[in-house]
């Protein structure tokens, strides 16, 4: 039996993330993604009873570029994924990985007490989480 180190989501999450309003255009979202050098933006809640969303570059490619839609005429809320799955920062990365695999998710939001702490991706789980768990540097 191996003695693996327990790694939590908060240990490998990306805490610097970009956000955008759902009423923004895809053109504005692309500019923001390029500025931040990211492939995902968190879509802000419309009000206190709303849920967060994600806008992924892959969503833009499938729903805007592939359909030859004008990015300045498409709003983020038309393309985004909503609601997003949220996990607690102290969740073990193995359980987070199982959840993401079961639901076929590429990103989840890390939230504690209704405050966004960051995002988690399969890349972070594997490259940062597994290597830390196994003591590989």
C-alpha atoms as a PDB file:
ATOM      1  CA  UNK A   1       0.000   0.000   0.000  1.00  0.00           C
ATOM      2  CA  UNK A   2       1.366   3.402  -0.976  1.00  0.00           C
ATOM      3  CA  UNK A   3       1.256   6.452   1.215  1.00  0.00           C
ATOM      4  CA  UNK A   4      -0.157   9.072  -1.116  1.00  0.00           C
ATOM      5  CA  UNK A   5      -0.373  12.669   0.001  1.00  0.00           C
ATOM      6  CA  UNK A   6      -3.942  14.071   0.130  1.00  0.00           C
ATOM      7  CA  UNK A   7      -4.352  16.958  -2.280  1.00  0.00           C
ATOM      8  CA  UNK A   8      -7.406  19.228  -2.150  1.00  0.00           C
ATOM      9  CA  UNK A   9      -8.963  21.227  -4.964  1.00  0.00           C
ATOM     10  CA  UNK A  10      -7.763  24.474  -3.367  1.00  0.00           C
ATOM     11  CA  UNK A  11      -4.166  23.233  -3.677  1.00  0.00           C
ATOM     12  CA  UNK A  12      -4.349  23.053  -7.487  1.00  0.00           C
ATOM     13  CA  UNK A  13      -7.152  25.415  -8.508  1.00  0.00           C
ATOM     14  CA  UNK A  14      -6.567  28.445 -10.683  1.00  0.00           C
ATOM     15  CA  UNK A  15      -7.366  31.364  -8.397  1.00  0.00           C
ATOM     16  CA  UNK A  16      -6.911  34.094 -10.986  1.00  0.00           C
ATOM     17  CA  UNK A  17      -9.829  33.893 -13.364  1.00  0.00           C
ATOM     18  CA  UNK A  18     -11.613  36.285 -15.666  1.00  0.00           C
ATOM     19  CA  UNK A  19     -15.270  37.133 -15.562  1.00  0.00           C
ATOM     20  CA  UNK A  20     -17.767  38.729 -17.908  1.00  0.00           C
ATOM     21  CA  UNK A  21     -21.376  39.840 -17.923  1.00  0.00           C
ATOM     22  CA  UNK A  22     -23.832  37.654 -19.837  1.00  0.00           C
ATOM     23  CA  UNK A  23     -25.040  40.674 -21.825  1.00  0.00           C
ATOM     24  CA  UNK A  24     -21.550  41.274 -23.265  1.00  0.00           C
ATOM     25  CA  UNK A  25     -20.857  40.271 -26.839  1.00  0.00           C
ATOM     26  CA  UNK A  26     -18.715  37.343 -27.895  1.00  0.00           C
ATOM     27  CA  UNK A  27     -16.369  39.898 -29.480  1.00  0.00           C
ATOM     28  CA  UNK A  28     -15.888  41.520 -26.050  1.00  0.00           C
ATOM     29  CA  UNK A  29     -15.401  38.081 -24.489  1.00  0.00           C
ATOM     30  CA  UNK A  30     -12.727  37.163 -27.038  1.00  0.00           C
ATOM     31  CA  UNK A  31     -10.877  40.405 -26.335  1.00  0.00           C
ATOM     32  CA  UNK A  32     -10.988  39.682 -22.599  1.00  0.00           C
ATOM     33  CA  UNK A  33      -9.879  36.059 -23.082  1.00  0.00           C
ATOM     34  CA  UNK A  34      -6.953  37.177 -25.193  1.00  0.00           C
ATOM     35  CA  UNK A  35      -5.985  39.883 -22.686  1.00  0.00           C
ATOM     36  CA  UNK A  36      -6.046  37.387 -19.812  1.00  0.00           C
ATOM     37  CA  UNK A  37      -4.589  34.541 -21.912  1.00  0.00           C
ATOM     38  CA  UNK A  38      -7.350  32.180 -20.815  1.00  0.00           C
ATOM     39  CA  UNK A  39      -9.774  29.807 -22.505  1.00  0.00           C
ATOM     40  CA  UNK A  40     -12.575  30.276 -19.959  1.00  0.00           C
ATOM     41  CA  UNK A  41     -14.464  33.157 -18.390  1.00  0.00           C
ATOM     42  CA  UNK A  42     -16.841  32.991 -15.451  1.00  0.00           C
ATOM     43  CA  UNK A  43     -20.167  34.562 -16.408  1.00  0.00           C
ATOM     44  CA  UNK A  44     -21.427  36.734 -13.557  1.00  0.00           C
ATOM     45  CA  UNK A  45     -24.802  36.184 -11.925  1.00  0.00           C
ATOM     46  CA  UNK A  46     -27.564  38.382 -13.291  1.00  0.00           C
ATOM     47  CA  UNK A  47     -28.947  38.849  -9.773  1.00  0.00           C
ATOM     48  CA  UNK A  48     -28.717  37.251  -6.322  1.00  0.00           C
ATOM     49  CA  UNK A  49     -31.069  34.402  -7.324  1.00  0.00           C
ATOM     50  CA  UNK A  50     -29.210  33.593 -10.526  1.00  0.00           C
ATOM     51  CA  UNK A  51     -26.393  31.080 -11.048  1.00  0.00           C
ATOM     52  CA  UNK A  52     -22.879  31.447 -12.421  1.00  0.00           C
ATOM     53  CA  UNK A  53     -22.025  30.367 -15.937  1.00  0.00           C
ATOM     54  CA  UNK A  54     -18.917  29.485 -17.942  1.00  0.00           C
ATOM     55  CA  UNK A  55     -17.940  30.687 -21.375  1.00  0.00           C
ATOM     56  CA  UNK A  56     -15.364  28.376 -22.953  1.00  0.00           C
ATOM     57  CA  UNK A  57     -13.422  28.974 -26.155  1.00  0.00           C
ATOM     58  CA  UNK A  58     -14.776  25.622 -27.352  1.00  0.00           C
ATOM     59  CA  UNK A  59     -18.341  26.968 -26.915  1.00  0.00           C
ATOM     60  CA  UNK A  60     -17.445  29.959 -29.081  1.00  0.00           C
ATOM     61  CA  UNK A  61     -15.897  27.756 -31.758  1.00  0.00           C
ATOM     62  CA  UNK A  62     -18.931  25.417 -31.898  1.00  0.00           C
ATOM     63  CA  UNK A  63     -21.707  27.968 -31.567  1.00  0.00           C
ATOM     64  CA  UNK A  64     -20.295  31.080 -33.241  1.00  0.00           C
ATOM     65  CA  UNK A  65     -17.352  30.343 -35.526  1.00  0.00           C
ATOM     66  CA  UNK A  66     -18.625  27.032 -36.924  1.00  0.00           C
ATOM     67  CA  UNK A  67     -22.052  28.547 -37.605  1.00  0.00           C
ATOM     68  CA  UNK A  68     -20.530  31.649 -39.209  1.00  0.00           C
ATOM     69  CA  UNK A  69     -22.245  33.974 -36.718  1.00  0.00           C
ATOM     70  CA  UNK A  70     -20.934  37.513 -36.202  1.00  0.00           C
ATOM     71  CA  UNK A  71     -19.225  37.720 -32.764  1.00  0.00           C
ATOM     72  CA  UNK A  72     -20.324  41.327 -32.324  1.00  0.00           C
ATOM     73  CA  UNK A  73     -23.971  40.271 -32.747  1.00  0.00           C
ATOM     74  CA  UNK A  74     -23.992  37.277 -30.381  1.00  0.00           C
ATOM     75  CA  UNK A  75     -24.267  37.752 -26.636  1.00  0.00           C
ATOM     76  CA  UNK A  76     -22.405  35.667 -24.075  1.00  0.00           C
ATOM     77  CA  UNK A  77     -25.668  34.395 -22.550  1.00  0.00           C
ATOM     78  CA  UNK A  78     -26.557  32.761 -25.887  1.00  0.00           C
ATOM     79  CA  UNK A  79     -23.410  30.630 -25.890  1.00  0.00           C
ATOM     80  CA  UNK A  80     -22.432  30.070 -22.255  1.00  0.00           C
ATOM     81  CA  UNK A  81     -22.934  26.975 -20.136  1.00  0.00           C
ATOM     82  CA  UNK A  82     -25.178  27.609 -17.156  1.00  0.00           C
ATOM     83  CA  UNK A  83     -25.517  26.655 -14.362  1.00  0.00           C
ATOM     84  CA  UNK A  84     -22.012  25.466 -13.601  1.00  0.00           C
ATOM     85  CA  UNK A  85     -21.061  22.743 -11.162  1.00  0.00           C
ATOM     86  CA  UNK A  86     -19.465  24.092  -7.989  1.00  0.00           C
ATOM     87  CA  UNK A  87     -17.208  22.230  -5.567  1.00  0.00           C
ATOM     88  CA  UNK A  88     -15.833  23.015  -2.124  1.00  0.00           C
ATOM     89  CA  UNK A  89     -12.140  23.951  -1.859  1.00  0.00           C
ATOM     90  CA  UNK A  90     -11.405  21.096   0.558  1.00  0.00           C
ATOM     91  CA  UNK A  91     -12.729  18.393  -1.813  1.00  0.00           C
ATOM     92  CA  UNK A  92     -10.140  15.736  -2.570  1.00  0.00           C
ATOM     93  CA  UNK A  93      -8.866  15.905  -6.166  1.00  0.00           C
ATOM     94  CA  UNK A  94      -9.738  12.232  -6.721  1.00  0.00           C
ATOM     95  CA  UNK A  95     -13.397  12.906  -5.916  1.00  0.00           C
ATOM     96  CA  UNK A  96     -13.375  16.060  -8.025  1.00  0.00           C
ATOM     97  CA  UNK A  97     -11.883  14.091 -10.892  1.00  0.00           C
ATOM     98  CA  UNK A  98     -14.599  11.425 -10.588  1.00  0.00           C
ATOM     99  CA  UNK A  99     -17.303  14.087 -10.565  1.00  0.00           C
ATOM    100  CA  UNK A 100     -15.886  15.792 -13.640  1.00  0.00           C
ATOM    101  CA  UNK A 101     -15.511  12.480 -15.479  1.00  0.00           C
ATOM    102  CA  UNK A 102     -19.025  11.337 -14.590  1.00  0.00           C
ATOM    103  CA  UNK A 103     -20.584  14.602 -15.759  1.00  0.00           C
ATOM    104  CA  UNK A 104     -18.149  15.043 -18.667  1.00  0.00           C
ATOM    105  CA  UNK A 105     -17.034  18.480 -17.449  1.00  0.00           C
ATOM    106  CA  UNK A 106     -14.010  20.464 -18.562  1.00  0.00           C
ATOM    107  CA  UNK A 107     -14.245  23.045 -15.766  1.00  0.00           C
ATOM    108  CA  UNK A 108     -15.841  23.418 -12.350  1.00  0.00           C
ATOM    109  CA  UNK A 109     -16.080  26.428 -10.095  1.00  0.00           C
ATOM    110  CA  UNK A 110     -14.521  26.370  -6.633  1.00  0.00           C
ATOM    111  CA  UNK A 111     -16.838  28.180  -4.218  1.00  0.00           C
ATOM    112  CA  UNK A 112     -16.944  28.610  -0.451  1.00  0.00           C
ATOM    113  CA  UNK A 113     -19.711  30.490   1.337  1.00  0.00           C
ATOM    114  CA  UNK A 114     -21.050  31.781  -2.015  1.00  0.00           C
ATOM    115  CA  UNK A 115     -17.682  33.347  -2.883  1.00  0.00           C
ATOM    116  CA  UNK A 116     -15.774  32.196  -5.972  1.00  0.00           C
ATOM    117  CA  UNK A 117     -12.255  31.121  -5.074  1.00  0.00           C
ATOM    118  CA  UNK A 118     -11.219  29.824  -8.488  1.00  0.00           C
ATOM    119  CA  UNK A 119     -11.692  27.252 -11.213  1.00  0.00           C
ATOM    120  CA  UNK A 120     -10.444  23.713 -11.656  1.00  0.00           C
ATOM    121  CA  UNK A 121      -9.679  21.836 -14.871  1.00  0.00           C
ATOM    122  CA  UNK A 122      -8.519  18.333 -15.795  1.00  0.00           C
ATOM    123  CA  UNK A 123      -5.102  19.820 -16.567  1.00  0.00           C
ATOM    124  CA  UNK A 124      -4.744  21.135 -13.014  1.00  0.00           C
ATOM    125  CA  UNK A 125      -5.982  17.864 -11.531  1.00  0.00           C
ATOM    126  CA  UNK A 126      -3.503  15.773 -13.518  1.00  0.00           C
ATOM    127  CA  UNK A 127      -0.417  17.925 -13.942  1.00  0.00           C
ATOM    128  CA  UNK A 128      -0.501  19.724 -10.612  1.00  0.00           C
ATOM    129  CA  UNK A 129      -2.575  17.420  -8.414  1.00  0.00           C
ATOM    130  CA  UNK A 130      -1.356  13.972  -9.385  1.00  0.00           C
ATOM    131  CA  UNK A 131       2.279  14.992  -9.489  1.00  0.00           C
ATOM    132  CA  UNK A 132       2.024  16.543  -6.020  1.00  0.00           C
ATOM    133  CA  UNK A 133       0.127  13.509  -4.696  1.00  0.00           C
ATOM    134  CA  UNK A 134       2.777  11.125  -6.005  1.00  0.00           C
ATOM    135  CA  UNK A 135       5.685  13.355  -4.988  1.00  0.00           C
ATOM    136  CA  UNK A 136       6.752  13.884  -8.631  1.00  0.00           C
ATOM    137  CA  UNK A 137       8.296  17.286  -9.309  1.00  0.00           C
END
